[in-house]
Amino acid sequence: MVSVYNDADYLSVYKQKKRILSVFWAVTVCYLVFCLALLIYHISLPYAAPNAKVPKMCVYVASALYAVFIFPFMAIKFSRVRRYFRMLTYVSEGLKNEEKNYFYCFAEKSLQKDNIDVVGCVFETWNKKKQEWMEREAYTDPEKPMPALDSGDYVRYITQSNFIIQYEVLQHRALEFEEEDEYEEYEEEVEEIQEETEE
């Protein structure tokens, strides 16, 4: 089976998260030391000193610069890396689900799963009880190479929280999709293919 993620991905995101936190704490400590130094300087000035406003103005400017830097840095960059790191943690530790379905197409719309950008992989499966084709959507990471899947491939894939983490093409072009109302013609063919692959 083709594995989408490996240990190197986890370590890379972990290091990236640590670097971002290191920058955050370094900037925050510098800001606090600067403010503390100006506070001590301001306290040491005599009453009604002409330059008493200078420390205040410096703190205002430093606070504005700190806010301009920290909000986008932590709210966008760190938040995105943290969500991705959490997803990879679930991939390595969470419960997995294995399925065998027919790949139909990649979803072309913009999608997000758990606030992470994803590409939808649409699979079709025959529901014997309802006697109709059911659509099943799983997700793949756009930052990784797209799975080498063609329409009609019979695929065994493992998901965690609906993210494809491993896949294997059991049979290429096992089924040709046509209009929805013509899917019923393939019921026997689907059952034969599934029996062959299970043997």
N, C-alpha and C. Protein backbone atom coordinates (compact mmCIF):
# COMPACT_ATOMS: atom_id res chain seq x y z
N MET A 1 0.84 -1.20 0.00
CA MET A 1 0.00 0.00 0.00
C MET A 1 0.88 1.25 0.00
N VAL A 2 0.37 2.28 -0.62
CA VAL A 2 1.08 3.55 -0.66
C VAL A 2 0.72 4.35 0.59
N SER A 3 1.73 4.73 1.36
CA SER A 3 1.51 5.53 2.57
C SER A 3 1.63 7.01 2.22
N VAL A 4 0.64 7.78 2.62
CA VAL A 4 0.64 9.22 2.32
C VAL A 4 1.56 9.96 3.28
N TYR A 5 1.56 9.54 4.54
CA TYR A 5 2.36 10.22 5.56
C TYR A 5 3.41 9.27 6.13
N ASN A 6 4.50 9.85 6.63
CA ASN A 6 5.52 9.05 7.32
C ASN A 6 6.04 9.82 8.53
N ASP A 7 6.97 9.24 9.25
CA ASP A 7 7.49 9.87 10.47
C ASP A 7 8.17 11.20 10.18
N ALA A 8 8.80 11.33 9.01
CA ALA A 8 9.49 12.57 8.66
C ALA A 8 8.52 13.75 8.58
N ASP A 9 7.29 13.50 8.11
CA ASP A 9 6.28 14.56 8.05
C ASP A 9 5.95 15.06 9.45
N TYR A 10 5.76 14.13 10.36
CA TYR A 10 5.43 14.47 11.74
C TYR A 10 6.55 15.28 12.38
N LEU A 11 7.81 14.81 12.22
CA LEU A 11 8.95 15.51 12.81
C LEU A 11 9.14 16.90 12.20
N SER A 12 8.90 17.01 10.90
CA SER A 12 9.06 18.30 10.23
C SER A 12 8.06 19.33 10.76
N VAL A 13 6.81 18.93 10.90
CA VAL A 13 5.79 19.85 11.42
C VAL A 13 6.04 20.15 12.90
N TYR A 14 6.51 19.15 13.65
CA TYR A 14 6.82 19.37 15.07
C TYR A 14 7.92 20.42 15.22
N LYS A 15 8.97 20.31 14.39
CA LYS A 15 10.08 21.29 14.44
C LYS A 15 9.60 22.67 14.01
N GLN A 16 8.74 22.71 13.01
CA GLN A 16 8.21 24.00 12.54
C GLN A 16 7.39 24.66 13.66
N LYS A 17 6.60 23.88 14.34
CA LYS A 17 5.80 24.40 15.46
C LYS A 17 6.70 24.94 16.56
N LYS A 18 7.79 24.21 16.87
CA LYS A 18 8.73 24.65 17.90
C LYS A 18 9.43 25.95 17.50
N ARG A 19 9.81 26.06 16.20
CA ARG A 19 10.48 27.28 15.73
C ARG A 19 9.56 28.50 15.87
N ILE A 20 8.30 28.33 15.48
CA ILE A 20 7.35 29.44 15.56
C ILE A 20 7.15 29.86 17.02
N LEU A 21 7.03 28.88 17.93
CA LEU A 21 6.88 29.21 19.34
C LEU A 21 8.14 29.90 19.89
N SER A 22 9.30 29.48 19.41
CA SER A 22 10.55 30.11 19.86
C SER A 22 10.60 31.58 19.45
N VAL A 23 10.20 31.86 18.20
CA VAL A 23 10.16 33.25 17.72
C VAL A 23 9.15 34.05 18.54
N PHE A 24 7.99 33.47 18.79
CA PHE A 24 6.96 34.16 19.59
C PHE A 24 7.49 34.53 20.96
N TRP A 25 8.11 33.56 21.66
CA TRP A 25 8.59 33.83 23.01
C TRP A 25 9.76 34.81 23.00
N ALA A 26 10.62 34.75 21.99
CA ALA A 26 11.74 35.68 21.89
C ALA A 26 11.24 37.11 21.71
N VAL A 27 10.28 37.29 20.81
CA VAL A 27 9.72 38.63 20.57
C VAL A 27 8.98 39.13 21.80
N THR A 28 8.23 38.24 22.45
CA THR A 28 7.47 38.63 23.65
C THR A 28 8.39 39.04 24.79
N VAL A 29 9.47 38.28 25.01
CA VAL A 29 10.44 38.61 26.07
C VAL A 29 11.11 39.95 25.77
N CYS A 30 11.50 40.16 24.51
CA CYS A 30 12.12 41.44 24.13
C CYS A 30 11.16 42.61 24.38
N TYR A 31 9.91 42.41 24.03
CA TYR A 31 8.90 43.46 24.24
C TYR A 31 8.72 43.76 25.73
N LEU A 32 8.63 42.70 26.55
CA LEU A 32 8.44 42.90 27.99
C LEU A 32 9.66 43.56 28.63
N VAL A 33 10.87 43.16 28.22
CA VAL A 33 12.10 43.76 28.75
C VAL A 33 12.16 45.24 28.37
N PHE A 34 11.79 45.55 27.12
CA PHE A 34 11.78 46.94 26.64
C PHE A 34 10.80 47.77 27.47
N CYS A 35 9.59 47.22 27.68
CA CYS A 35 8.58 47.96 28.45
C CYS A 35 9.02 48.14 29.91
N LEU A 36 9.62 47.10 30.49
CA LEU A 36 10.09 47.19 31.88
C LEU A 36 11.21 48.22 32.01
N ALA A 37 12.11 48.24 31.04
CA ALA A 37 13.21 49.22 31.07
C ALA A 37 12.67 50.64 30.99
N LEU A 38 11.69 50.85 30.13
CA LEU A 38 11.10 52.19 30.00
C LEU A 38 10.31 52.58 31.25
N LEU A 39 9.68 51.58 31.88
CA LEU A 39 8.95 51.86 33.13
C LEU A 39 9.92 52.30 34.22
N ILE A 40 11.04 51.58 34.33
CA ILE A 40 12.04 51.95 35.33
C ILE A 40 12.60 53.35 35.03
N TYR A 41 12.85 53.61 33.74
CA TYR A 41 13.35 54.93 33.35
C TYR A 41 12.33 56.01 33.69
N HIS A 42 11.05 55.73 33.42
CA HIS A 42 9.99 56.71 33.68
C HIS A 42 9.85 56.99 35.18
N ILE A 43 9.96 55.94 35.99
CA ILE A 43 9.86 56.12 37.45
C ILE A 43 11.04 56.93 37.98
N SER A 44 12.20 56.78 37.37
CA SER A 44 13.40 57.47 37.86
C SER A 44 13.43 58.95 37.49
N LEU A 45 12.53 59.38 36.58
CA LEU A 45 12.50 60.79 36.18
C LEU A 45 11.93 61.66 37.30
N PRO A 46 12.41 62.88 37.42
CA PRO A 46 11.83 63.79 38.43
C PRO A 46 10.40 64.17 38.05
N TYR A 47 9.65 64.64 39.03
CA TYR A 47 8.25 65.02 38.80
C TYR A 47 8.18 66.13 37.75
N ALA A 48 7.25 65.99 36.81
CA ALA A 48 7.00 66.97 35.74
C ALA A 48 8.25 67.20 34.88
N ALA A 49 9.00 66.16 34.64
CA ALA A 49 10.16 66.28 33.75
C ALA A 49 9.68 66.53 32.32
N PRO A 50 10.40 67.33 31.54
CA PRO A 50 9.94 67.66 30.18
C PRO A 50 9.93 66.44 29.24
N ASN A 51 10.79 65.50 29.49
CA ASN A 51 10.84 64.31 28.60
C ASN A 51 10.08 63.11 29.18
N ALA A 52 9.11 63.34 30.07
CA ALA A 52 8.34 62.25 30.70
C ALA A 52 7.43 61.55 29.69
N LYS A 53 7.08 62.24 28.62
CA LYS A 53 6.17 61.64 27.63
C LYS A 53 6.89 60.68 26.68
N VAL A 54 8.21 60.80 26.60
CA VAL A 54 8.97 59.98 25.65
C VAL A 54 8.84 58.47 25.96
N PRO A 55 9.02 58.03 27.23
CA PRO A 55 8.85 56.59 27.50
C PRO A 55 7.45 56.09 27.17
N LYS A 56 6.44 56.93 27.48
CA LYS A 56 5.06 56.52 27.18
C LYS A 56 4.86 56.33 25.68
N MET A 57 5.35 57.29 24.90
CA MET A 57 5.20 57.19 23.45
C MET A 57 5.94 55.97 22.89
N CYS A 58 7.11 55.70 23.45
CA CYS A 58 7.88 54.52 23.00
C CYS A 58 7.12 53.22 23.30
N VAL A 59 6.49 53.16 24.47
CA VAL A 59 5.72 51.97 24.83
C VAL A 59 4.51 51.83 23.92
N TYR A 60 3.83 52.94 23.59
CA TYR A 60 2.68 52.88 22.70
C TYR A 60 3.08 52.34 21.32
N VAL A 61 4.20 52.88 20.81
CA VAL A 61 4.68 52.44 19.49
C VAL A 61 5.09 50.96 19.54
N ALA A 62 5.82 50.57 20.59
CA ALA A 62 6.27 49.18 20.73
C ALA A 62 5.06 48.24 20.86
N SER A 63 4.04 48.66 21.59
CA SER A 63 2.84 47.83 21.75
C SER A 63 2.11 47.64 20.43
N ALA A 64 2.02 48.72 19.66
CA ALA A 64 1.36 48.63 18.35
C ALA A 64 2.13 47.69 17.42
N LEU A 65 3.46 47.82 17.40
CA LEU A 65 4.28 46.94 16.56
C LEU A 65 4.18 45.49 17.00
N TYR A 66 4.15 45.28 18.32
CA TYR A 66 4.02 43.92 18.86
C TYR A 66 2.69 43.31 18.44
N ALA A 67 1.62 44.08 18.54
CA ALA A 67 0.29 43.58 18.17
C ALA A 67 0.22 43.29 16.68
N VAL A 68 0.79 44.18 15.85
CA VAL A 68 0.79 43.98 14.40
C VAL A 68 1.57 42.72 14.02
N PHE A 69 2.63 42.45 14.74
CA PHE A 69 3.43 41.25 14.45
C PHE A 69 2.78 39.97 14.98
N ILE A 70 2.34 40.00 16.24
CA ILE A 70 1.89 38.79 16.91
C ILE A 70 0.56 38.27 16.38
N PHE A 71 -0.43 39.13 16.15
CA PHE A 71 -1.75 38.64 15.75
C PHE A 71 -1.71 37.85 14.45
N PRO A 72 -1.14 38.39 13.36
CA PRO A 72 -1.07 37.56 12.14
C PRO A 72 -0.15 36.35 12.31
N PHE A 73 0.95 36.54 13.03
CA PHE A 73 1.94 35.47 13.18
C PHE A 73 1.34 34.28 13.93
N MET A 74 0.66 34.56 15.04
CA MET A 74 0.11 33.47 15.85
C MET A 74 -1.26 33.02 15.36
N ALA A 75 -2.08 33.96 14.93
CA ALA A 75 -3.45 33.61 14.53
C ALA A 75 -3.50 32.93 13.18
N ILE A 76 -2.52 33.19 12.32
CA ILE A 76 -2.54 32.58 10.99
C ILE A 76 -1.49 31.48 10.88
N LYS A 77 -0.23 31.86 11.02
CA LYS A 77 0.85 30.89 10.80
C LYS A 77 0.87 29.79 11.85
N PHE A 78 0.93 30.18 13.12
CA PHE A 78 1.01 29.16 14.17
C PHE A 78 -0.26 28.33 14.25
N SER A 79 -1.40 28.98 14.09
CA SER A 79 -2.67 28.26 14.16
C SER A 79 -2.76 27.20 13.08
N ARG A 80 -2.31 27.54 11.88
CA ARG A 80 -2.34 26.58 10.76
C ARG A 80 -1.41 25.39 11.03
N VAL A 81 -0.19 25.67 11.50
CA VAL A 81 0.77 24.61 11.79
C VAL A 81 0.27 23.74 12.95
N ARG A 82 -0.33 24.36 13.95
CA ARG A 82 -0.84 23.60 15.10
C ARG A 82 -1.96 22.65 14.68
N ARG A 83 -2.86 23.13 13.81
CA ARG A 83 -3.95 22.26 13.33
C ARG A 83 -3.41 21.10 12.51
N TYR A 84 -2.41 21.38 11.68
CA TYR A 84 -1.81 20.33 10.85
C TYR A 84 -1.08 19.32 11.74
N PHE A 85 -0.38 19.82 12.76
CA PHE A 85 0.32 18.93 13.70
C PHE A 85 -0.67 18.04 14.44
N ARG A 86 -1.78 18.62 14.87
CA ARG A 86 -2.81 17.84 15.56
C ARG A 86 -3.38 16.76 14.65
N MET A 87 -3.60 17.11 13.37
CA MET A 87 -4.11 16.13 12.41
C MET A 87 -3.12 14.97 12.24
N LEU A 88 -1.82 15.28 12.14
CA LEU A 88 -0.81 14.22 11.99
C LEU A 88 -0.71 13.37 13.26
N THR A 89 -0.95 13.98 14.41
CA THR A 89 -0.97 13.21 15.67
C THR A 89 -2.12 12.21 15.64
N TYR A 90 -3.29 12.65 15.19
CA TYR A 90 -4.43 11.74 15.08
C TYR A 90 -4.15 10.64 14.06
N VAL A 91 -3.47 11.00 12.97
CA VAL A 91 -3.15 10.01 11.93
C VAL A 91 -2.28 8.90 12.52
N SER A 92 -1.33 9.26 13.38
CA SER A 92 -0.43 8.24 13.93
C SER A 92 -1.05 7.47 15.09
N GLU A 93 -1.98 8.09 15.82
CA GLU A 93 -2.51 7.45 17.02
C GLU A 93 -3.98 7.07 16.96
N GLY A 94 -4.75 7.71 16.07
CA GLY A 94 -6.21 7.54 16.07
C GLY A 94 -6.67 6.23 15.43
N LEU A 95 -7.97 5.98 15.58
CA LEU A 95 -8.58 4.79 14.99
C LEU A 95 -8.65 4.92 13.47
N LYS A 96 -8.36 3.81 12.80
CA LYS A 96 -8.36 3.81 11.34
C LYS A 96 -9.57 3.03 10.82
N ASN A 97 -9.96 3.37 9.61
CA ASN A 97 -11.09 2.70 8.96
C ASN A 97 -10.66 2.27 7.56
N GLU A 98 -10.90 1.01 7.22
CA GLU A 98 -10.52 0.49 5.90
C GLU A 98 -11.76 0.29 5.05
N GLU A 99 -11.67 0.71 3.79
CA GLU A 99 -12.79 0.55 2.87
C GLU A 99 -12.28 0.15 1.49
N LYS A 100 -13.19 -0.44 0.71
CA LYS A 100 -12.91 -0.76 -0.69
C LYS A 100 -14.05 -0.19 -1.52
N ASN A 101 -13.72 0.76 -2.37
CA ASN A 101 -14.73 1.43 -3.20
C ASN A 101 -14.15 1.75 -4.57
N TYR A 102 -15.02 2.22 -5.44
CA TYR A 102 -14.62 2.62 -6.78
C TYR A 102 -14.38 4.12 -6.81
N PHE A 103 -13.17 4.49 -7.23
CA PHE A 103 -12.84 5.91 -7.31
C PHE A 103 -13.61 6.54 -8.47
N TYR A 104 -14.21 7.70 -8.19
CA TYR A 104 -14.98 8.39 -9.22
C TYR A 104 -14.24 9.62 -9.74
N CYS A 105 -13.91 10.57 -8.83
CA CYS A 105 -13.20 11.78 -9.27
C CYS A 105 -12.68 12.53 -8.04
N PHE A 106 -11.84 13.52 -8.31
CA PHE A 106 -11.40 14.44 -7.27
C PHE A 106 -12.37 15.62 -7.24
N ALA A 107 -12.77 16.05 -6.06
CA ALA A 107 -13.66 17.21 -5.94
C ALA A 107 -12.88 18.46 -6.27
N GLU A 108 -13.40 19.25 -7.19
CA GLU A 108 -12.67 20.44 -7.65
C GLU A 108 -12.96 21.68 -6.80
N LYS A 109 -13.95 21.60 -5.93
CA LYS A 109 -14.29 22.76 -5.11
C LYS A 109 -13.31 22.93 -3.96
N SER A 110 -13.30 24.13 -3.39
CA SER A 110 -12.42 24.41 -2.25
C SER A 110 -13.04 23.80 -1.00
N LEU A 111 -12.28 22.95 -0.32
CA LEU A 111 -12.80 22.25 0.85
C LEU A 111 -11.89 22.43 2.04
N GLN A 112 -12.49 22.31 3.24
CA GLN A 112 -11.71 22.29 4.47
C GLN A 112 -12.27 21.21 5.38
N LYS A 113 -11.36 20.53 6.05
CA LYS A 113 -11.75 19.53 7.04
C LYS A 113 -10.97 19.84 8.31
N ASP A 114 -11.68 20.11 9.40
CA ASP A 114 -11.04 20.51 10.66
C ASP A 114 -10.14 21.72 10.44
N ASN A 115 -10.60 22.67 9.63
CA ASN A 115 -9.87 23.91 9.30
C ASN A 115 -8.55 23.66 8.58
N ILE A 116 -8.44 22.53 7.90
CA ILE A 116 -7.26 22.22 7.08
C ILE A 116 -7.72 22.10 5.64
N ASP A 117 -6.98 22.74 4.73
CA ASP A 117 -7.32 22.64 3.31
C ASP A 117 -7.17 21.20 2.84
N VAL A 118 -8.16 20.72 2.11
CA VAL A 118 -8.13 19.34 1.63
C VAL A 118 -8.67 19.27 0.21
N VAL A 119 -8.39 18.15 -0.44
CA VAL A 119 -8.97 17.84 -1.74
C VAL A 119 -9.87 16.63 -1.54
N GLY A 120 -11.11 16.75 -1.99
CA GLY A 120 -12.05 15.64 -1.83
C GLY A 120 -11.81 14.54 -2.86
N CYS A 121 -11.83 13.31 -2.41
CA CYS A 121 -11.76 12.14 -3.30
C CYS A 121 -13.13 11.47 -3.23
N VAL A 122 -13.83 11.49 -4.35
CA VAL A 122 -15.18 10.95 -4.38
C VAL A 122 -15.13 9.49 -4.82
N PHE A 123 -15.69 8.63 -4.00
CA PHE A 123 -15.78 7.21 -4.30
C PHE A 123 -17.25 6.83 -4.46
N GLU A 124 -17.49 5.80 -5.25
CA GLU A 124 -18.84 5.28 -5.42
C GLU A 124 -18.86 3.84 -4.92
N THR A 125 -19.92 3.52 -4.21
CA THR A 125 -20.09 2.16 -3.72
C THR A 125 -21.53 1.73 -3.96
N TRP A 126 -21.71 0.46 -4.31
CA TRP A 126 -23.04 -0.06 -4.60
C TRP A 126 -23.71 -0.50 -3.31
N ASN A 127 -24.87 0.06 -3.02
CA ASN A 127 -25.64 -0.28 -1.84
C ASN A 127 -26.66 -1.35 -2.21
N LYS A 128 -26.42 -2.57 -1.74
CA LYS A 128 -27.31 -3.69 -2.09
C LYS A 128 -28.71 -3.50 -1.53
N LYS A 129 -28.77 -2.93 -0.32
CA LYS A 129 -30.07 -2.77 0.33
C LYS A 129 -30.95 -1.77 -0.41
N LYS A 130 -30.37 -0.63 -0.77
CA LYS A 130 -31.14 0.41 -1.46
C LYS A 130 -31.13 0.24 -2.98
N GLN A 131 -30.28 -0.67 -3.46
CA GLN A 131 -30.15 -0.91 -4.90
C GLN A 131 -29.83 0.38 -5.66
N GLU A 132 -28.82 1.08 -5.16
CA GLU A 132 -28.39 2.31 -5.83
C GLU A 132 -26.94 2.61 -5.46
N TRP A 133 -26.32 3.47 -6.28
CA TRP A 133 -24.95 3.88 -6.02
C TRP A 133 -24.96 4.96 -4.94
N MET A 134 -24.06 4.81 -3.99
CA MET A 134 -23.91 5.79 -2.92
C MET A 134 -22.55 6.47 -3.07
N GLU A 135 -22.55 7.75 -2.79
CA GLU A 135 -21.31 8.52 -2.90
C GLU A 135 -20.63 8.56 -1.53
N ARG A 136 -19.33 8.33 -1.54
CA ARG A 136 -18.52 8.36 -0.32
C ARG A 136 -17.34 9.28 -0.57
N GLU A 137 -17.17 10.29 0.28
CA GLU A 137 -16.09 11.25 0.07
C GLU A 137 -15.05 11.12 1.17
N ALA A 138 -13.81 10.98 0.76
CA ALA A 138 -12.68 11.00 1.69
C ALA A 138 -11.80 12.18 1.28
N TYR A 139 -10.80 12.49 2.10
CA TYR A 139 -10.00 13.68 1.84
C TYR A 139 -8.52 13.33 1.73
N THR A 140 -7.86 14.10 0.89
CA THR A 140 -6.41 13.95 0.75
C THR A 140 -5.77 15.32 0.93
N ASP A 141 -4.52 15.30 1.34
CA ASP A 141 -3.77 16.51 1.66
C ASP A 141 -3.21 17.13 0.38
N PRO A 142 -3.55 18.40 0.06
CA PRO A 142 -3.02 19.02 -1.16
C PRO A 142 -1.52 19.30 -1.10
N GLU A 143 -0.94 19.25 0.09
CA GLU A 143 0.50 19.47 0.22
C GLU A 143 1.31 18.20 -0.09
N LYS A 144 0.62 17.09 -0.22
CA LYS A 144 1.26 15.82 -0.59
C LYS A 144 0.91 15.51 -2.04
N PRO A 145 1.70 14.64 -2.70
CA PRO A 145 1.35 14.27 -4.08
C PRO A 145 -0.05 13.65 -4.15
N MET A 146 -0.80 14.04 -5.18
CA MET A 146 -2.15 13.51 -5.32
C MET A 146 -2.09 12.00 -5.55
N PRO A 147 -3.04 11.25 -4.97
CA PRO A 147 -3.06 9.80 -5.19
C PRO A 147 -3.20 9.48 -6.68
N ALA A 148 -2.46 8.47 -7.12
CA ALA A 148 -2.48 8.08 -8.54
C ALA A 148 -3.71 7.22 -8.80
N LEU A 149 -4.86 7.87 -8.87
CA LEU A 149 -6.12 7.17 -9.07
C LEU A 149 -6.80 7.67 -10.34
N ASP A 150 -7.39 6.73 -11.08
CA ASP A 150 -8.17 7.06 -12.26
C ASP A 150 -9.62 6.67 -12.03
N SER A 151 -10.50 7.33 -12.73
CA SER A 151 -11.93 7.04 -12.59
C SER A 151 -12.20 5.57 -12.91
N GLY A 152 -12.90 4.91 -12.00
CA GLY A 152 -13.24 3.51 -12.18
C GLY A 152 -12.31 2.54 -11.48
N ASP A 153 -11.20 3.03 -10.92
CA ASP A 153 -10.28 2.15 -10.20
C ASP A 153 -10.95 1.60 -8.93
N TYR A 154 -10.74 0.30 -8.70
CA TYR A 154 -11.24 -0.32 -7.48
C TYR A 154 -10.13 -0.18 -6.44
N VAL A 155 -10.39 0.57 -5.38
CA VAL A 155 -9.34 1.00 -4.46
C VAL A 155 -9.63 0.54 -3.04
N ARG A 156 -8.59 0.02 -2.41
CA ARG A 156 -8.65 -0.23 -0.97
C ARG A 156 -7.90 0.91 -0.30
N TYR A 157 -8.54 1.58 0.63
CA TYR A 157 -7.89 2.73 1.27
C TYR A 157 -8.21 2.75 2.76
N ILE A 158 -7.27 3.32 3.50
CA ILE A 158 -7.39 3.43 4.96
C ILE A 158 -7.50 4.91 5.30
N THR A 159 -8.49 5.24 6.10
CA THR A 159 -8.69 6.63 6.50
C THR A 159 -8.61 6.76 8.01
N GLN A 160 -8.25 7.96 8.44
CA GLN A 160 -8.33 8.33 9.85
C GLN A 160 -8.98 9.71 9.87
N SER A 161 -10.12 9.81 10.52
CA SER A 161 -10.90 11.06 10.53
C SER A 161 -11.18 11.51 9.09
N ASN A 162 -11.41 10.54 8.23
CA ASN A 162 -11.76 10.74 6.82
C ASN A 162 -10.59 11.23 5.96
N PHE A 163 -9.38 11.28 6.50
CA PHE A 163 -8.18 11.59 5.72
C PHE A 163 -7.61 10.27 5.19
N ILE A 164 -7.32 10.23 3.90
CA ILE A 164 -6.70 9.02 3.34
C ILE A 164 -5.24 8.99 3.79
N ILE A 165 -4.86 7.92 4.48
CA ILE A 165 -3.48 7.81 4.95
C ILE A 165 -2.73 6.70 4.21
N GLN A 166 -3.46 5.75 3.64
CA GLN A 166 -2.87 4.69 2.81
C GLN A 166 -3.89 4.29 1.75
N TYR A 167 -3.38 3.90 0.58
CA TYR A 167 -4.29 3.43 -0.46
C TYR A 167 -3.57 2.43 -1.35
N GLU A 168 -4.37 1.61 -2.02
CA GLU A 168 -3.84 0.61 -2.94
C GLU A 168 -4.89 0.36 -4.03
N VAL A 169 -4.46 0.45 -5.27
CA VAL A 169 -5.37 0.18 -6.39
C VAL A 169 -5.41 -1.34 -6.58
N LEU A 170 -6.57 -1.92 -6.32
CA LEU A 170 -6.73 -3.37 -6.46
C LEU A 170 -6.95 -3.77 -7.92
N GLN A 171 -7.65 -2.90 -8.65
CA GLN A 171 -7.89 -3.19 -10.06
C GLN A 171 -8.08 -1.87 -10.80
N HIS A 172 -7.25 -1.66 -11.83
CA HIS A 172 -7.36 -0.44 -12.63
C HIS A 172 -8.56 -0.53 -13.57
N ARG A 173 -9.25 0.60 -13.68
CA ARG A 173 -10.40 0.72 -14.60
C ARG A 173 -11.36 -0.46 -14.45
N ALA A 174 -11.68 -0.80 -13.22
CA ALA A 174 -12.56 -1.93 -12.96
C ALA A 174 -14.00 -1.63 -13.39
N LEU A 175 -14.33 -0.37 -13.42
CA LEU A 175 -15.70 0.02 -13.72
C LEU A 175 -15.69 1.32 -14.51
N GLU A 176 -16.56 1.41 -15.49
CA GLU A 176 -16.70 2.65 -16.24
C GLU A 176 -17.99 3.31 -15.84
N PHE A 177 -17.88 4.53 -15.33
CA PHE A 177 -19.07 5.24 -14.89
C PHE A 177 -19.74 5.93 -16.06
N GLU A 178 -21.05 5.81 -16.06
CA GLU A 178 -21.85 6.53 -17.06
C GLU A 178 -22.87 7.37 -16.30
N GLU A 179 -24.02 7.59 -16.92
CA GLU A 179 -25.04 8.38 -16.24
C GLU A 179 -25.56 7.62 -15.03
N GLU A 180 -26.07 8.37 -14.03
CA GLU A 180 -26.52 7.75 -12.79
C GLU A 180 -27.60 6.70 -13.01
N ASP A 181 -28.53 6.96 -13.93
CA ASP A 181 -29.62 6.01 -14.11
C ASP A 181 -29.18 4.72 -14.80
N GLU A 182 -27.94 4.70 -15.30
CA GLU A 182 -27.43 3.51 -15.95
C GLU A 182 -26.53 2.69 -15.02
N TYR A 183 -26.31 3.17 -13.78
CA TYR A 183 -25.44 2.46 -12.84
C TYR A 183 -25.96 1.07 -12.50
N GLU A 184 -27.26 0.89 -12.53
CA GLU A 184 -27.84 -0.38 -12.14
C GLU A 184 -27.33 -1.54 -13.00
N GLU A 185 -26.94 -1.24 -14.24
CA GLU A 185 -26.45 -2.27 -15.14
C GLU A 185 -25.18 -2.92 -14.61
N TYR A 186 -24.46 -2.21 -13.72
CA TYR A 186 -23.16 -2.68 -13.25
C TYR A 186 -23.23 -3.48 -11.96
N GLU A 187 -24.40 -3.72 -11.45
CA GLU A 187 -24.52 -4.40 -10.15
C GLU A 187 -23.83 -5.76 -10.17
N GLU A 188 -24.11 -6.59 -11.18
CA GLU A 188 -23.51 -7.92 -11.25
C GLU A 188 -22.01 -7.83 -11.46
N GLU A 189 -21.60 -6.88 -12.30
CA GLU A 189 -20.17 -6.70 -12.57
C GLU A 189 -19.43 -6.31 -11.29
N VAL A 190 -20.03 -5.45 -10.49
CA VAL A 190 -19.42 -5.02 -9.23
C VAL A 190 -19.25 -6.20 -8.29
N GLU A 191 -20.28 -7.03 -8.17
CA GLU A 191 -20.21 -8.18 -7.27
C GLU A 191 -19.15 -9.17 -7.72
N GLU A 192 -19.00 -9.37 -9.03
CA GLU A 192 -17.98 -10.29 -9.55
C GLU A 192 -16.58 -9.77 -9.25
N ILE A 193 -16.37 -8.47 -9.47
CA ILE A 193 -15.04 -7.86 -9.21
C ILE A 193 -14.68 -7.98 -7.74
N GLN A 194 -15.64 -7.71 -6.85
CA GLN A 194 -15.37 -7.78 -5.42
C GLN A 194 -15.05 -9.21 -4.99
N GLU A 195 -15.76 -10.18 -5.57
CA GLU A 195 -15.46 -11.59 -5.25
C GLU A 195 -14.07 -11.98 -5.71
N GLU A 196 -13.69 -11.53 -6.92
CA GLU A 196 -12.34 -11.84 -7.44
C GLU A 196 -11.25 -11.27 -6.59
N THR A 197 -11.41 -10.00 -6.19
CA THR A 197 -10.35 -9.35 -5.41
C THR A 197 -10.25 -9.91 -4.00
N GLU A 198 -11.39 -10.35 -3.45
CA GLU A 198 -11.36 -10.92 -2.11
C GLU A 198 -10.69 -12.30 -2.11
N GLU A 199 -10.80 -13.03 -3.24
CA GLU A 199 -10.14 -14.32 -3.35
C GLU A 199 -8.63 -14.13 -3.46
